[in-house]
Amino acid sequence: MGFDPHEPQQQRMLAAAMKSAQINVGELWLKYFSLGGEVGEYEVEAYLQGLLSLPVLQRDLLAMAANELIGTFPQGRAPYSDELGPDGESPRKEPGSGTKELPEAEE
């Protein structure tokens, strides 16, 4: 992938979130495009397969689109780039990892 060390983790977590929420690439791309996303559906598919690098803004728009489609399923949440720690670890639990707890939700 690109020069951002967090990109592979963000890509994996987005793909896992989509899988757990049963969101397909076409649905994600349509929502992403409606939010101002600039790359095409084929590029999104390539990114999700780990074959293409995307700029931070485009990755975060994909995460936003996925999170809006997911709604209230916190176990499948896709991370934004600024939510990934300096060592590449997410402060949030990766879907299916069972290794970290989600922070308490503010009410």
C-alpha atoms as a PDB file:
ATOM      1  CA  MET A   1       0.000   0.000   0.000  1.00  0.00           C
ATOM      2  CA  GLY A   2       1.034   3.661   0.315  1.00  0.00           C
ATOM      3  CA  PHE A   3       3.297   5.494   2.716  1.00  0.00           C
ATOM      4  CA  ASP A   4       0.838   5.657   5.622  1.00  0.00           C
ATOM      5  CA  PRO A   5       1.699   2.810   8.021  1.00  0.00           C
ATOM      6  CA  HIS A   6      -1.927   2.670   9.230  1.00  0.00           C
ATOM      7  CA  GLU A   7      -3.471   2.188   5.800  1.00  0.00           C
ATOM      8  CA  PRO A   8      -3.292  -1.637   5.734  1.00  0.00           C
ATOM      9  CA  GLN A   9      -4.976  -1.892   9.135  1.00  0.00           C
ATOM     10  CA  GLN A  10      -7.644   0.649   8.171  1.00  0.00           C
ATOM     11  CA  GLN A  11      -8.301  -1.301   4.953  1.00  0.00           C
ATOM     12  CA  ARG A  12      -8.565  -4.645   6.808  1.00  0.00           C
ATOM     13  CA  MET A  13     -10.892  -3.220   9.435  1.00  0.00           C
ATOM     14  CA  LEU A  14     -13.111  -1.588   6.795  1.00  0.00           C
ATOM     15  CA  ALA A  15     -13.361  -4.890   4.916  1.00  0.00           C
ATOM     16  CA  ALA A  16     -14.174  -6.728   8.177  1.00  0.00           C
ATOM     17  CA  ALA A  17     -16.821  -4.153   9.102  1.00  0.00           C
ATOM     18  CA  MET A  18     -18.414  -4.487   5.676  1.00  0.00           C
ATOM     19  CA  LYS A  19     -18.413  -8.270   5.930  1.00  0.00           C
ATOM     20  CA  SER A  20     -19.993  -8.299   9.388  1.00  0.00           C
ATOM     21  CA  ALA A  21     -22.692  -5.835   8.287  1.00  0.00           C
ATOM     22  CA  GLN A  22     -23.138  -7.568   4.907  1.00  0.00           C
ATOM     23  CA  ILE A  23     -22.452  -4.399   2.918  1.00  0.00           C
ATOM     24  CA  ASN A  24     -21.359  -4.960  -0.677  1.00  0.00           C
ATOM     25  CA  VAL A  25     -18.912  -2.778  -2.597  1.00  0.00           C
ATOM     26  CA  GLY A  26     -21.643  -1.218  -4.738  1.00  0.00           C
ATOM     27  CA  GLU A  27     -23.583  -0.068  -1.663  1.00  0.00           C
ATOM     28  CA  LEU A  28     -20.428   1.293  -0.032  1.00  0.00           C
ATOM     29  CA  TRP A  29     -19.324   3.092  -3.180  1.00  0.00           C
ATOM     30  CA  LEU A  30     -22.731   4.717  -3.747  1.00  0.00           C
ATOM     31  CA  LYS A  31     -22.796   6.061  -0.175  1.00  0.00           C
ATOM     32  CA  TYR A  32     -19.117   7.118  -0.412  1.00  0.00           C
ATOM     33  CA  PHE A  33     -19.735   8.926  -3.703  1.00  0.00           C
ATOM     34  CA  SER A  34     -22.759  10.719  -2.241  1.00  0.00           C
ATOM     35  CA  LEU A  35     -20.482  11.996   0.548  1.00  0.00           C
ATOM     36  CA  GLY A  36     -18.050  13.484  -1.989  1.00  0.00           C
ATOM     37  CA  GLY A  37     -15.767  10.522  -2.631  1.00  0.00           C
ATOM     38  CA  GLU A  38     -13.603  10.916  -5.718  1.00  0.00           C
ATOM     39  CA  VAL A  39     -12.558   7.404  -6.772  1.00  0.00           C
ATOM     40  CA  GLY A  40     -14.600   4.930  -8.774  1.00  0.00           C
ATOM     41  CA  GLU A  41     -16.161   1.674  -7.707  1.00  0.00           C
ATOM     42  CA  TYR A  42     -13.341  -0.370  -9.269  1.00  0.00           C
ATOM     43  CA  GLU A  43     -10.755   1.603  -7.275  1.00  0.00           C
ATOM     44  CA  VAL A  44     -12.728   1.027  -4.069  1.00  0.00           C
ATOM     45  CA  GLU A  45     -12.819  -2.704  -4.832  1.00  0.00           C
ATOM     46  CA  ALA A  46      -9.048  -2.707  -5.462  1.00  0.00           C
ATOM     47  CA  TYR A  47      -8.453  -0.819  -2.194  1.00  0.00           C
ATOM     48  CA  LEU A  48     -10.556  -3.327  -0.262  1.00  0.00           C
ATOM     49  CA  GLN A  49      -8.497  -6.140  -1.783  1.00  0.00           C
ATOM     50  CA  GLY A  50      -5.260  -4.397  -0.725  1.00  0.00           C
ATOM     51  CA  LEU A  51      -4.220  -3.737  -4.319  1.00  0.00           C
ATOM     52  CA  LEU A  52      -4.521   0.062  -4.375  1.00  0.00           C
ATOM     53  CA  SER A  53      -3.517   2.815  -1.985  1.00  0.00           C
ATOM     54  CA  LEU A  54      -5.876   5.724  -1.306  1.00  0.00           C
ATOM     55  CA  PRO A  55      -5.258   9.139   0.280  1.00  0.00           C
ATOM     56  CA  VAL A  56      -6.307   9.593   3.917  1.00  0.00           C
ATOM     57  CA  LEU A  57      -9.319  11.756   2.994  1.00  0.00           C
ATOM     58  CA  GLN A  58     -10.705   9.118   0.614  1.00  0.00           C
ATOM     59  CA  ARG A  59     -10.130   6.330   3.163  1.00  0.00           C
ATOM     60  CA  ASP A  60     -11.919   8.337   5.831  1.00  0.00           C
ATOM     61  CA  LEU A  61     -14.829   9.002   3.472  1.00  0.00           C
ATOM     62  CA  LEU A  62     -15.064   5.242   2.891  1.00  0.00           C
ATOM     63  CA  ALA A  63     -15.056   4.686   6.670  1.00  0.00           C
ATOM     64  CA  MET A  64     -17.746   7.357   7.081  1.00  0.00           C
ATOM     65  CA  ALA A  65     -19.859   5.758   4.350  1.00  0.00           C
ATOM     66  CA  ALA A  66     -19.505   2.315   5.928  1.00  0.00           C
ATOM     67  CA  ASN A  67     -20.314   3.626   9.399  1.00  0.00           C
ATOM     68  CA  GLU A  68     -23.422   5.394   8.112  1.00  0.00           C
ATOM     69  CA  LEU A  69     -24.544   2.192   6.395  1.00  0.00           C
ATOM     70  CA  ILE A  70     -23.756   0.094   9.464  1.00  0.00           C
ATOM     71  CA  GLY A  71     -25.776   2.319  11.773  1.00  0.00           C
ATOM     72  CA  THR A  72     -25.860   0.908  15.265  1.00  0.00           C
ATOM     73  CA  PHE A  73     -23.617  -2.149  14.923  1.00  0.00           C
ATOM     74  CA  PRO A  74     -20.561  -1.085  16.981  1.00  0.00           C
ATOM     75  CA  GLN A  75     -18.838  -4.451  16.528  1.00  0.00           C
ATOM     76  CA  GLY A  76     -18.511  -3.759  12.806  1.00  0.00           C
ATOM     77  CA  ARG A  77     -17.363  -0.143  12.949  1.00  0.00           C
ATOM     78  CA  ALA A  78     -14.724   1.006  10.435  1.00  0.00           C
ATOM     79  CA  PRO A  79     -11.952   3.213  11.916  1.00  0.00           C
ATOM     80  CA  TYR A  80     -10.966   6.680  10.744  1.00  0.00           C
ATOM     81  CA  SER A  81      -7.235   7.248  10.205  1.00  0.00           C
ATOM     82  CA  ASP A  82      -6.850   9.418  13.318  1.00  0.00           C
ATOM     83  CA  GLU A  83      -8.281   6.633  15.492  1.00  0.00           C
ATOM     84  CA  LEU A  84      -5.303   4.376  14.838  1.00  0.00           C
ATOM     85  CA  GLY A  85      -2.553   4.521  17.453  1.00  0.00           C
ATOM     86  CA  PRO A  86       1.089   5.385  16.730  1.00  0.00           C
ATOM     87  CA  ASP A  87       2.101   1.722  16.773  1.00  0.00           C
ATOM     88  CA  GLY A  88      -0.582   0.794  14.239  1.00  0.00           C
ATOM     89  CA  GLU A  89      -2.878  -0.547  16.925  1.00  0.00           C
ATOM     90  CA  SER A  90      -6.411   0.718  17.057  1.00  0.00           C
ATOM     91  CA  PRO A  91      -7.733   1.947  20.388  1.00  0.00           C
ATOM     92  CA  ARG A  92     -10.929   0.189  19.346  1.00  0.00           C
ATOM     93  CA  LYS A  93     -11.482  -3.524  18.930  1.00  0.00           C
ATOM     94  CA  GLU A  94     -10.919  -4.998  15.470  1.00  0.00           C
ATOM     95  CA  PRO A  95     -14.033  -6.867  14.353  1.00  0.00           C
ATOM     96  CA  GLY A  96     -13.672 -10.511  15.306  1.00  0.00           C
ATOM     97  CA  SER A  97     -10.361 -10.086  17.144  1.00  0.00           C
ATOM     98  CA  GLY A  98     -11.665 -10.408  20.686  1.00  0.00           C
ATOM     99  CA  THR A  99      -8.471  -8.776  21.988  1.00  0.00           C
ATOM    100  CA  LYS A 100      -9.520  -5.267  22.922  1.00  0.00           C
ATOM    101  CA  GLU A 101     -12.568  -3.689  24.447  1.00  0.00           C
ATOM    102  CA  LEU A 102     -14.521  -0.839  22.921  1.00  0.00           C
ATOM    103  CA  PRO A 103     -14.432   2.380  24.968  1.00  0.00           C
ATOM    104  CA  GLU A 104     -17.556   3.255  26.892  1.00  0.00           C
ATOM    105  CA  ALA A 105     -20.031   5.234  24.813  1.00  0.00           C
ATOM    106  CA  GLU A 106     -20.702   8.771  25.943  1.00  0.00           C
ATOM    107  CA  GLU A 107     -24.344   9.583  26.512  1.00  0.00           C
END
